[in-house]
Amino acid sequence: MRGPRTSLDQWHCFLAVVDEGSYARAAEALHKSQSAVTYAIQKLEEQLGVSIFEIRGRKAELTEAGQVMYRRGRTLLDEAMRLESSAQSIAAGWEPQLRIVSDALFPAHAMLDCLEVLSRDCPDTRIECVETVLSGAEEALLEQRCDIAITGVVPPGFLGRPLLRVKFIAVAHCQHALHRLGRELEFQDLRPFRQVVVRDSGQRKRRDSGWLEAAQRLTVSRMDMSVRAVARGLGFAWLPEVFVREELLKGELLPLPLKVGGERYAELFLILPDRDCAGPAALRAEELLIAAAASLSASGVGA
């Protein structure tokens, strides 16, 4: 069986030149001499039988063939990196680090229960758990900043396991003017009043999920702060029922008597970005989170 004529090092040099924008910067990034990078690409072109770059003015730009080679080369190099990562995970046993990114809708006490067990099971693994809002977990997946994610949106190219259905209810302080209207409410009744919303923690495409374009808006960065703000009478909001159970039981907060839309639901999904490369700590975390979600659903957190 004939093997490939080109090497991964040649493809690495080629991708670096494109990504860095010049042979000199590519050589610096790869810790190679510029002549070594130039030779690697010349050899690559010779072995492939195509021209990858063409000179336009003072710049070397990708030919049409070069653009195809770049896309295929990126896939090749990414796959090689995943293969090495998978081998390292198998060889090392427990991963040295595990990065979990979780939507703030997943209850903190359930996450802490999972982390407690995980810390006992893999004491040598450094665990990082980051809470996000709206598109934050989706963005972390796309930027390869996590090993396991709980998110409300499954980005293209990923497979998500349904984890938890979270119930939201429209609430306001018991003395809020909306309750003093003494009747069922329409959406237009809400617009003159301040709505409390939680800011999207993502940076790319921030979303204003659930905002009614009310006359006033109070934006906070955390779910617990939104609960406190509504409990102080600073506005109304749709809040996860599990986050406001105590306030509802005490009568501090009351559900708004909306004719339609007083209850909403959000789906959370569990994603391992690359299951083939997932180590035992990631797989154990997945197992614990699935069990925790099942327990939450049985206790009535979801629908």
C-alpha atoms as a PDB file:
ATOM      1  CA  MET A   1       0.000   0.000   0.000  1.00  0.00           C
ATOM      2  CA  ARG A   2       1.456   3.349  -1.059  1.00  0.00           C
ATOM      3  CA  GLY A   3       1.662   5.985   1.649  1.00  0.00           C
ATOM      4  CA  PRO A   4       1.201   9.755   1.253  1.00  0.00           C
ATOM      5  CA  ARG A   5       4.002  11.694  -0.404  1.00  0.00           C
ATOM      6  CA  THR A   6       3.453  14.759   1.748  1.00  0.00           C
ATOM      7  CA  SER A   7       4.078  15.157   5.474  1.00  0.00           C
ATOM      8  CA  LEU A   8       2.107  16.751   8.300  1.00  0.00           C
ATOM      9  CA  ASP A   9       4.997  19.152   8.835  1.00  0.00           C
ATOM     10  CA  GLN A  10       4.601  20.467   5.297  1.00  0.00           C
ATOM     11  CA  TRP A  11       0.875  20.995   5.790  1.00  0.00           C
ATOM     12  CA  HIS A  12       1.560  22.658   9.132  1.00  0.00           C
ATOM     13  CA  CYS A  13       3.916  25.119   7.464  1.00  0.00           C
ATOM     14  CA  PHE A  14       1.424  25.836   4.681  1.00  0.00           C
ATOM     15  CA  LEU A  15      -1.457  26.503   7.100  1.00  0.00           C
ATOM     16  CA  ALA A  16       0.770  28.697   9.266  1.00  0.00           C
ATOM     17  CA  VAL A  17       1.728  30.910   6.302  1.00  0.00           C
ATOM     18  CA  VAL A  18      -1.950  31.427   5.452  1.00  0.00           C
ATOM     19  CA  ASP A  19      -3.028  31.971   9.061  1.00  0.00           C
ATOM     20  CA  GLU A  20      -0.132  34.266   9.971  1.00  0.00           C
ATOM     21  CA  GLY A  21      -0.177  36.187   6.695  1.00  0.00           C
ATOM     22  CA  SER A  22       3.484  35.838   5.756  1.00  0.00           C
ATOM     23  CA  TYR A  23       6.402  33.418   5.626  1.00  0.00           C
ATOM     24  CA  ALA A  24       8.305  35.436   8.237  1.00  0.00           C
ATOM     25  CA  ARG A  25       5.490  35.429  10.799  1.00  0.00           C
ATOM     26  CA  ALA A  26       4.777  31.749  10.110  1.00  0.00           C
ATOM     27  CA  ALA A  27       8.428  30.895  10.726  1.00  0.00           C
ATOM     28  CA  GLU A  28       8.335  32.812  13.999  1.00  0.00           C
ATOM     29  CA  ALA A  29       5.127  31.072  15.129  1.00  0.00           C
ATOM     30  CA  LEU A  30       6.533  27.634  14.236  1.00  0.00           C
ATOM     31  CA  HIS A  31      10.003  28.346  15.704  1.00  0.00           C
ATOM     32  CA  LYS A  32      11.589  27.517  12.356  1.00  0.00           C
ATOM     33  CA  SER A  33      13.806  29.424   9.969  1.00  0.00           C
ATOM     34  CA  GLN A  34      12.064  31.198   7.103  1.00  0.00           C
ATOM     35  CA  SER A  35      14.075  29.164   4.615  1.00  0.00           C
ATOM     36  CA  ALA A  36      12.810  25.921   6.202  1.00  0.00           C
ATOM     37  CA  VAL A  37       9.190  27.080   5.870  1.00  0.00           C
ATOM     38  CA  THR A  38       9.750  28.181   2.254  1.00  0.00           C
ATOM     39  CA  TYR A  39      11.374  24.846   1.374  1.00  0.00           C
ATOM     40  CA  ALA A  40       8.525  22.878   2.996  1.00  0.00           C
ATOM     41  CA  ILE A  41       5.910  24.669   0.895  1.00  0.00           C
ATOM     42  CA  GLN A  42       7.937  24.425  -2.307  1.00  0.00           C
ATOM     43  CA  LYS A  43       8.273  20.684  -1.681  1.00  0.00           C
ATOM     44  CA  LEU A  44       4.532  20.443  -0.978  1.00  0.00           C
ATOM     45  CA  GLU A  45       3.697  22.126  -4.292  1.00  0.00           C
ATOM     46  CA  GLU A  46       6.131  19.835  -6.112  1.00  0.00           C
ATOM     47  CA  GLN A  47       4.690  16.680  -4.574  1.00  0.00           C
ATOM     48  CA  LEU A  48       1.072  17.749  -5.139  1.00  0.00           C
ATOM     49  CA  GLY A  49       1.719  18.952  -8.669  1.00  0.00           C
ATOM     50  CA  VAL A  50      -0.225  22.203  -8.149  1.00  0.00           C
ATOM     51  CA  SER A  51       0.607  25.827  -7.429  1.00  0.00           C
ATOM     52  CA  ILE A  52      -0.645  26.835  -3.997  1.00  0.00           C
ATOM     53  CA  PHE A  53       0.348  30.509  -4.062  1.00  0.00           C
ATOM     54  CA  GLU A  54       0.517  33.122  -6.785  1.00  0.00           C
ATOM     55  CA  ILE A  55       2.144  36.551  -6.602  1.00  0.00           C
ATOM     56  CA  ARG A  56      -0.226  39.503  -6.934  1.00  0.00           C
ATOM     57  CA  GLY A  57       1.592  42.791  -6.592  1.00  0.00           C
ATOM     58  CA  ARG A  58       3.779  42.356  -3.540  1.00  0.00           C
ATOM     59  CA  LYS A  59       1.590  39.730  -1.891  1.00  0.00           C
ATOM     60  CA  ALA A  60       1.441  35.962  -2.265  1.00  0.00           C
ATOM     61  CA  GLU A  61      -2.214  34.896  -2.416  1.00  0.00           C
ATOM     62  CA  LEU A  62      -3.837  31.479  -2.526  1.00  0.00           C
ATOM     63  CA  THR A  63      -4.717  30.098  -5.921  1.00  0.00           C
ATOM     64  CA  GLU A  64      -8.073  28.346  -6.352  1.00  0.00           C
ATOM     65  CA  ALA A  65      -6.246  25.042  -5.867  1.00  0.00           C
ATOM     66  CA  GLY A  66      -4.552  26.541  -2.803  1.00  0.00           C
ATOM     67  CA  GLN A  67      -7.918  27.427  -1.277  1.00  0.00           C
ATOM     68  CA  VAL A  68      -9.061  23.825  -1.679  1.00  0.00           C
ATOM     69  CA  MET A  69      -5.783  22.566  -0.242  1.00  0.00           C
ATOM     70  CA  TYR A  70      -6.131  24.931   2.722  1.00  0.00           C
ATOM     71  CA  ARG A  71      -9.590  23.603   3.621  1.00  0.00           C
ATOM     72  CA  ARG A  72      -8.521  19.984   3.236  1.00  0.00           C
ATOM     73  CA  GLY A  73      -5.237  20.626   5.014  1.00  0.00           C
ATOM     74  CA  ARG A  74      -7.023  22.233   7.970  1.00  0.00           C
ATOM     75  CA  THR A  75      -9.233  19.151   8.292  1.00  0.00           C
ATOM     76  CA  LEU A  76      -6.183  16.888   8.045  1.00  0.00           C
ATOM     77  CA  LEU A  77      -4.235  18.753  10.732  1.00  0.00           C
ATOM     78  CA  ASP A  78      -7.242  19.038  13.066  1.00  0.00           C
ATOM     79  CA  GLU A  79      -7.826  15.307  12.767  1.00  0.00           C
ATOM     80  CA  ALA A  80      -4.162  14.595  13.509  1.00  0.00           C
ATOM     81  CA  MET A  81      -4.367  16.794  16.613  1.00  0.00           C
ATOM     82  CA  ARG A  82      -7.507  14.981  17.772  1.00  0.00           C
ATOM     83  CA  LEU A  83      -5.801  11.647  17.225  1.00  0.00           C
ATOM     84  CA  GLU A  84      -2.839  12.697  19.367  1.00  0.00           C
ATOM     85  CA  SER A  85      -5.164  14.105  22.036  1.00  0.00           C
ATOM     86  CA  SER A  86      -7.097  10.852  22.131  1.00  0.00           C
ATOM     87  CA  ALA A  87      -3.889   8.841  22.500  1.00  0.00           C
ATOM     88  CA  GLN A  88      -2.674  11.120  25.290  1.00  0.00           C
ATOM     89  CA  SER A  89      -5.962  10.730  27.183  1.00  0.00           C
ATOM     90  CA  ILE A  90      -5.770   6.954  26.915  1.00  0.00           C
ATOM     91  CA  ALA A  91      -2.136   6.889  28.001  1.00  0.00           C
ATOM     92  CA  ALA A  92      -2.551   9.305  30.908  1.00  0.00           C
ATOM     93  CA  GLY A  93      -5.729   7.874  32.426  1.00  0.00           C
ATOM     94  CA  TRP A  94      -7.601  10.745  34.064  1.00  0.00           C
ATOM     95  CA  GLU A  95      -7.234  14.019  32.187  1.00  0.00           C
ATOM     96  CA  PRO A  96      -5.003  16.637  33.836  1.00  0.00           C
ATOM     97  CA  GLN A  97      -7.717  19.262  33.228  1.00  0.00           C
ATOM     98  CA  LEU A  98     -11.487  19.230  32.662  1.00  0.00           C
ATOM     99  CA  ARG A  99     -13.336  22.347  31.469  1.00  0.00           C
ATOM    100  CA  ILE A 100     -17.089  22.441  32.029  1.00  0.00           C
ATOM    101  CA  VAL A 101     -19.197  25.279  30.659  1.00  0.00           C
ATOM    102  CA  SER A 102     -22.772  25.359  31.925  1.00  0.00           C
ATOM    103  CA  ASP A 103     -25.764  27.534  31.170  1.00  0.00           C
ATOM    104  CA  ALA A 104     -26.880  29.383  34.288  1.00  0.00           C
ATOM    105  CA  LEU A 105     -30.278  27.649  34.033  1.00  0.00           C
ATOM    106  CA  PHE A 106     -28.735  24.410  35.293  1.00  0.00           C
ATOM    107  CA  PRO A 107     -29.212  24.657  39.092  1.00  0.00           C
ATOM    108  CA  ALA A 108     -25.990  25.437  40.954  1.00  0.00           C
ATOM    109  CA  HIS A 109     -26.683  22.991  43.792  1.00  0.00           C
ATOM    110  CA  ALA A 110     -26.995  20.122  41.291  1.00  0.00           C
ATOM    111  CA  MET A 111     -23.760  21.144  39.578  1.00  0.00           C
ATOM    112  CA  LEU A 112     -21.943  21.345  42.930  1.00  0.00           C
ATOM    113  CA  ASP A 113     -23.176  17.851  43.841  1.00  0.00           C
ATOM    114  CA  CYS A 114     -21.666  16.556  40.585  1.00  0.00           C
ATOM    115  CA  LEU A 115     -18.400  18.427  41.138  1.00  0.00           C
ATOM    116  CA  GLU A 116     -18.121  17.033  44.663  1.00  0.00           C
ATOM    117  CA  VAL A 117     -18.321  13.441  43.405  1.00  0.00           C
ATOM    118  CA  LEU A 118     -16.073  14.198  40.446  1.00  0.00           C
ATOM    119  CA  SER A 119     -13.435  15.728  42.734  1.00  0.00           C
ATOM    120  CA  ARG A 120     -13.346  12.519  44.773  1.00  0.00           C
ATOM    121  CA  ASP A 121     -13.249  10.254  41.724  1.00  0.00           C
ATOM    122  CA  CYS A 122     -10.418  12.090  39.934  1.00  0.00           C
ATOM    123  CA  PRO A 123      -8.501  14.058  42.585  1.00  0.00           C
ATOM    124  CA  ASP A 124      -5.571  14.846  40.272  1.00  0.00           C
ATOM    125  CA  THR A 125      -7.731  16.475  37.598  1.00  0.00           C
ATOM    126  CA  ARG A 126      -7.966  20.270  37.643  1.00  0.00           C
ATOM    127  CA  ILE A 127     -11.648  21.084  37.172  1.00  0.00           C
ATOM    128  CA  GLU A 128     -12.827  24.414  35.780  1.00  0.00           C
ATOM    129  CA  CYS A 129     -16.550  25.143  35.822  1.00  0.00           C
ATOM    130  CA  VAL A 130     -17.785  28.344  34.152  1.00  0.00           C
ATOM    131  CA  GLU A 131     -21.370  29.588  34.255  1.00  0.00           C
ATOM    132  CA  THR A 132     -22.716  31.258  31.117  1.00  0.00           C
ATOM    133  CA  VAL A 133     -25.928  32.916  29.930  1.00  0.00           C
ATOM    134  CA  LEU A 134     -27.739  32.422  26.591  1.00  0.00           C
ATOM    135  CA  SER A 135     -25.089  32.097  23.834  1.00  0.00           C
ATOM    136  CA  GLY A 136     -22.081  31.831  26.177  1.00  0.00           C
ATOM    137  CA  ALA A 137     -21.871  28.018  26.199  1.00  0.00           C
ATOM    138  CA  GLU A 138     -22.529  27.856  22.459  1.00  0.00           C
ATOM    139  CA  GLU A 139     -19.644  30.263  21.888  1.00  0.00           C
ATOM    140  CA  ALA A 140     -17.323  28.229  24.131  1.00  0.00           C
ATOM    141  CA  LEU A 141     -18.078  25.139  22.036  1.00  0.00           C
ATOM    142  CA  LEU A 142     -17.360  26.901  18.761  1.00  0.00           C
ATOM    143  CA  GLU A 143     -14.087  28.311  20.132  1.00  0.00           C
ATOM    144  CA  GLN A 144     -13.043  24.916  21.582  1.00  0.00           C
ATOM    145  CA  ARG A 145     -12.878  26.300  25.132  1.00  0.00           C
ATOM    146  CA  CYS A 146     -14.633  23.423  26.882  1.00  0.00           C
ATOM    147  CA  ASP A 147     -14.583  19.635  27.259  1.00  0.00           C
ATOM    148  CA  ILE A 148     -18.255  19.360  28.197  1.00  0.00           C
ATOM    149  CA  ALA A 149     -21.059  21.885  27.814  1.00  0.00           C
ATOM    150  CA  ILE A 150     -24.620  22.420  28.987  1.00  0.00           C
ATOM    151  CA  THR A 151     -26.303  24.764  26.536  1.00  0.00           C
ATOM    152  CA  GLY A 152     -29.699  25.860  25.331  1.00  0.00           C
ATOM    153  CA  VAL A 153     -28.579  25.835  21.670  1.00  0.00           C
ATOM    154  CA  VAL A 154     -26.788  23.027  19.847  1.00  0.00           C
ATOM    155  CA  PRO A 155     -24.445  24.675  17.310  1.00  0.00           C
ATOM    156  CA  PRO A 156     -24.129  23.236  13.795  1.00  0.00           C
ATOM    157  CA  GLY A 157     -21.636  20.380  13.705  1.00  0.00           C
ATOM    158  CA  PHE A 158     -22.349  19.186  17.268  1.00  0.00           C
ATOM    159  CA  LEU A 159     -24.646  16.535  18.687  1.00  0.00           C
ATOM    160  CA  GLY A 160     -26.531  17.387  21.868  1.00  0.00           C
ATOM    161  CA  ARG A 161     -28.242  15.058  24.330  1.00  0.00           C
ATOM    162  CA  PRO A 162     -31.512  16.479  25.779  1.00  0.00           C
ATOM    163  CA  LEU A 163     -30.731  17.034  29.445  1.00  0.00           C
ATOM    164  CA  LEU A 164     -33.325  19.159  31.237  1.00  0.00           C
ATOM    165  CA  ARG A 165     -36.499  21.106  30.480  1.00  0.00           C
ATOM    166  CA  VAL A 166     -36.651  24.231  32.643  1.00  0.00           C
ATOM    167  CA  LYS A 167     -39.921  25.956  33.455  1.00  0.00           C
ATOM    168  CA  PHE A 168     -40.040  29.783  33.571  1.00  0.00           C
ATOM    169  CA  ILE A 169     -42.855  31.766  35.156  1.00  0.00           C
ATOM    170  CA  ALA A 170     -43.650  35.482  34.878  1.00  0.00           C
ATOM    171  CA  VAL A 171     -43.386  36.971  38.373  1.00  0.00           C
ATOM    172  CA  ALA A 172     -43.296  40.286  40.186  1.00  0.00           C
ATOM    173  CA  HIS A 173     -43.143  41.429  43.811  1.00  0.00           C
ATOM    174  CA  CYS A 174     -46.417  40.935  45.665  1.00  0.00           C
ATOM    175  CA  GLN A 175     -46.861  44.730  45.937  1.00  0.00           C
ATOM    176  CA  HIS A 176     -46.002  45.449  42.295  1.00  0.00           C
ATOM    177  CA  ALA A 177     -48.441  47.700  40.424  1.00  0.00           C
ATOM    178  CA  LEU A 178     -49.198  44.904  37.959  1.00  0.00           C
ATOM    179  CA  HIS A 179     -50.770  42.831  40.735  1.00  0.00           C
ATOM    180  CA  ARG A 180     -52.830  45.803  41.874  1.00  0.00           C
ATOM    181  CA  LEU A 181     -54.624  45.903  38.506  1.00  0.00           C
ATOM    182  CA  GLY A 182     -56.737  43.044  39.854  1.00  0.00           C
ATOM    183  CA  ARG A 183     -57.404  41.314  36.523  1.00  0.00           C
ATOM    184  CA  GLU A 184     -55.890  39.047  33.898  1.00  0.00           C
ATOM    185  CA  LEU A 185     -53.060  40.726  32.054  1.00  0.00           C
ATOM    186  CA  GLU A 186     -52.299  41.173  28.375  1.00  0.00           C
ATOM    187  CA  PHE A 187     -48.774  41.683  27.033  1.00  0.00           C
ATOM    188  CA  GLN A 188     -49.474  45.377  26.464  1.00  0.00           C
ATOM    189  CA  ASP A 189     -50.131  45.743  30.208  1.00  0.00           C
ATOM    190  CA  LEU A 190     -46.475  44.846  30.834  1.00  0.00           C
ATOM    191  CA  ARG A 191     -44.867  47.322  28.449  1.00  0.00           C
ATOM    192  CA  PRO A 192     -45.049  50.447  30.671  1.00  0.00           C
ATOM    193  CA  PHE A 193     -43.152  48.657  33.463  1.00  0.00           C
ATOM    194  CA  ARG A 194     -39.510  47.782  33.965  1.00  0.00           C
ATOM    195  CA  GLN A 195     -38.458  44.294  32.889  1.00  0.00           C
ATOM    196  CA  VAL A 196     -35.477  42.588  34.487  1.00  0.00           C
ATOM    197  CA  VAL A 197     -33.330  40.595  32.046  1.00  0.00           C
ATOM    198  CA  VAL A 198     -30.051  38.697  32.302  1.00  0.00           C
ATOM    199  CA  ARG A 199     -27.304  39.790  29.919  1.00  0.00           C
ATOM    200  CA  ASP A 200     -26.008  37.332  27.359  1.00  0.00           C
ATOM    201  CA  SER A 201     -22.482  36.296  28.408  1.00  0.00           C
ATOM    202  CA  GLY A 202     -21.475  35.571  24.806  1.00  0.00           C
ATOM    203  CA  GLN A 203     -19.502  38.147  22.823  1.00  0.00           C
ATOM    204  CA  ARG A 204     -20.208  37.228  19.195  1.00  0.00           C
ATOM    205  CA  LYS A 205     -23.987  37.258  18.692  1.00  0.00           C
ATOM    206  CA  ARG A 206     -25.662  38.401  21.862  1.00  0.00           C
ATOM    207  CA  ARG A 207     -29.343  37.615  22.244  1.00  0.00           C
ATOM    208  CA  ASP A 208     -32.119  39.432  24.119  1.00  0.00           C
ATOM    209  CA  SER A 209     -34.145  36.307  24.764  1.00  0.00           C
ATOM    210  CA  GLY A 210     -37.494  37.026  26.396  1.00  0.00           C
ATOM    211  CA  TRP A 211     -37.292  40.826  26.316  1.00  0.00           C
ATOM    212  CA  LEU A 212     -40.649  42.422  25.491  1.00  0.00           C
ATOM    213  CA  GLU A 213     -39.186  45.812  24.560  1.00  0.00           C
ATOM    214  CA  ALA A 214     -40.643  47.179  27.767  1.00  0.00           C
ATOM    215  CA  ALA A 215     -40.434  50.920  28.408  1.00  0.00           C
ATOM    216  CA  GLN A 216     -37.659  50.314  30.928  1.00  0.00           C
ATOM    217  CA  ARG A 217     -35.168  47.530  31.274  1.00  0.00           C
ATOM    218  CA  LEU A 218     -32.827  46.500  34.073  1.00  0.00           C
ATOM    219  CA  THR A 219     -30.027  44.268  32.790  1.00  0.00           C
ATOM    220  CA  VAL A 220     -28.010  42.173  35.230  1.00  0.00           C
ATOM    221  CA  SER A 221     -25.206  39.688  34.673  1.00  0.00           C
ATOM    222  CA  ARG A 222     -26.344  36.779  36.869  1.00  0.00           C
ATOM    223  CA  MET A 223     -29.528  34.815  37.358  1.00  0.00           C
ATOM    224  CA  ASP A 224     -29.423  35.103  41.156  1.00  0.00           C
ATOM    225  CA  MET A 225     -29.169  38.892  40.866  1.00  0.00           C
ATOM    226  CA  SER A 226     -32.249  38.984  38.648  1.00  0.00           C
ATOM    227  CA  VAL A 227     -34.165  37.064  41.320  1.00  0.00           C
ATOM    228  CA  ARG A 228     -33.052  39.541  43.993  1.00  0.00           C
ATOM    229  CA  ALA A 229     -33.951  42.510  41.800  1.00  0.00           C
ATOM    230  CA  VAL A 230     -37.487  41.237  41.205  1.00  0.00           C
ATOM    231  CA  ALA A 231     -37.860  40.340  44.902  1.00  0.00           C
ATOM    232  CA  ARG A 232     -37.017  43.983  45.736  1.00  0.00           C
ATOM    233  CA  GLY A 233     -39.740  45.238  43.435  1.00  0.00           C
ATOM    234  CA  LEU A 234     -37.375  46.609  40.788  1.00  0.00           C
ATOM    235  CA  GLY A 235     -39.321  45.035  37.926  1.00  0.00           C
ATOM    236  CA  PHE A 236     -41.012  41.941  36.580  1.00  0.00           C
ATOM    237  CA  ALA A 237     -39.322  38.994  34.872  1.00  0.00           C
ATOM    238  CA  TRP A 238     -39.684  35.472  33.589  1.00  0.00           C
ATOM    239  CA  LEU A 239     -37.597  33.445  36.032  1.00  0.00           C
ATOM    240  CA  PRO A 240     -36.863  29.715  36.341  1.00  0.00           C
ATOM    241  CA  GLU A 241     -39.353  28.278  38.811  1.00  0.00           C
ATOM    242  CA  VAL A 242     -36.611  26.366  40.626  1.00  0.00           C
ATOM    243  CA  PHE A 243     -34.810  29.660  41.368  1.00  0.00           C
ATOM    244  CA  VAL A 244     -37.831  31.362  42.976  1.00  0.00           C
ATOM    245  CA  ARG A 245     -39.570  28.557  44.854  1.00  0.00           C
ATOM    246  CA  GLU A 246     -38.654  29.964  48.259  1.00  0.00           C
ATOM    247  CA  GLU A 247     -39.839  33.473  47.358  1.00  0.00           C
ATOM    248  CA  LEU A 248     -43.101  32.056  45.988  1.00  0.00           C
ATOM    249  CA  LEU A 249     -43.700  30.000  49.124  1.00  0.00           C
ATOM    250  CA  LYS A 250     -43.101  33.065  51.311  1.00  0.00           C
ATOM    251  CA  GLY A 251     -45.434  35.151  49.161  1.00  0.00           C
ATOM    252  CA  GLU A 252     -42.712  37.689  48.331  1.00  0.00           C
ATOM    253  CA  LEU A 253     -43.181  36.983  44.642  1.00  0.00           C
ATOM    254  CA  LEU A 254     -46.424  36.194  42.879  1.00  0.00           C
ATOM    255  CA  PRO A 255     -46.999  34.826  39.377  1.00  0.00           C
ATOM    256  CA  LEU A 256     -48.370  37.446  37.010  1.00  0.00           C
ATOM    257  CA  PRO A 257     -51.933  36.532  35.923  1.00  0.00           C
ATOM    258  CA  LEU A 258     -51.211  36.610  32.202  1.00  0.00           C
ATOM    259  CA  LYS A 259     -53.921  35.376  29.859  1.00  0.00           C
ATOM    260  CA  VAL A 260     -51.239  33.865  27.614  1.00  0.00           C
ATOM    261  CA  GLY A 261     -47.524  33.294  28.088  1.00  0.00           C
ATOM    262  CA  GLY A 262     -47.264  33.226  31.855  1.00  0.00           C
ATOM    263  CA  GLU A 263     -45.217  30.038  31.584  1.00  0.00           C
ATOM    264  CA  ARG A 264     -42.312  29.353  29.245  1.00  0.00           C
ATOM    265  CA  TYR A 265     -39.936  26.447  28.825  1.00  0.00           C
ATOM    266  CA  ALA A 266     -36.276  26.185  27.866  1.00  0.00           C
ATOM    267  CA  GLU A 267     -34.453  23.017  26.827  1.00  0.00           C
ATOM    268  CA  LEU A 268     -30.928  22.332  27.985  1.00  0.00           C
ATOM    269  CA  PHE A 269     -28.623  19.969  26.094  1.00  0.00           C
ATOM    270  CA  LEU A 270     -25.464  18.166  27.161  1.00  0.00           C
ATOM    271  CA  ILE A 271     -22.622  18.172  24.618  1.00  0.00           C
ATOM    272  CA  LEU A 272     -19.228  16.503  24.517  1.00  0.00           C
ATOM    273  CA  PRO A 273     -17.488  18.337  21.639  1.00  0.00           C
ATOM    274  CA  ASP A 274     -15.472  15.299  20.566  1.00  0.00           C
ATOM    275  CA  ARG A 275     -16.598  12.067  22.177  1.00  0.00           C
ATOM    276  CA  ASP A 276     -13.800  10.026  20.567  1.00  0.00           C
ATOM    277  CA  CYS A 277     -11.245  12.156  22.411  1.00  0.00           C
ATOM    278  CA  ALA A 278     -13.198  12.431  25.664  1.00  0.00           C
ATOM    279  CA  GLY A 279     -11.233  11.127  28.627  1.00  0.00           C
ATOM    280  CA  PRO A 280     -12.589   9.249  31.649  1.00  0.00           C
ATOM    281  CA  ALA A 281     -13.130  12.451  33.669  1.00  0.00           C
ATOM    282  CA  ALA A 282     -15.316  13.961  30.928  1.00  0.00           C
ATOM    283  CA  LEU A 283     -17.278  10.728  30.575  1.00  0.00           C
ATOM    284  CA  ARG A 284     -17.714  10.506  34.348  1.00  0.00           C
ATOM    285  CA  ALA A 285     -18.896  14.130  34.438  1.00  0.00           C
ATOM    286  CA  GLU A 286     -21.411  13.363  31.686  1.00  0.00           C
ATOM    287  CA  GLU A 287     -22.715  10.403  33.678  1.00  0.00           C
ATOM    288  CA  LEU A 288     -23.085  12.479  36.851  1.00  0.00           C
ATOM    289  CA  LEU A 289     -24.812  15.380  35.065  1.00  0.00           C
ATOM    290  CA  ILE A 290     -27.303  13.063  33.364  1.00  0.00           C
ATOM    291  CA  ALA A 291     -28.160  11.486  36.736  1.00  0.00           C
ATOM    292  CA  ALA A 292     -28.493  14.919  38.367  1.00  0.00           C
ATOM    293  CA  ALA A 293     -30.803  16.132  35.597  1.00  0.00           C
ATOM    294  CA  ALA A 294     -32.977  13.034  35.944  1.00  0.00           C
ATOM    295  CA  SER A 295     -33.261  13.705  39.683  1.00  0.00           C
ATOM    296  CA  LEU A 296     -34.175  17.348  39.048  1.00  0.00           C
ATOM    297  CA  SER A 297     -36.885  16.353  36.568  1.00  0.00           C
ATOM    298  CA  ALA A 298     -38.306  13.825  39.037  1.00  0.00           C
ATOM    299  CA  SER A 299     -38.504  16.570  41.679  1.00  0.00           C
ATOM    300  CA  GLY A 300     -40.490  18.823  39.358  1.00  0.00           C
ATOM    301  CA  VAL A 301     -37.836  21.319  38.239  1.00  0.00           C
ATOM    302  CA  GLY A 302     -38.783  20.882  34.602  1.00  0.00           C
ATOM    303  CA  ALA A 303     -42.147  20.505  32.929  1.00  0.00           C
END
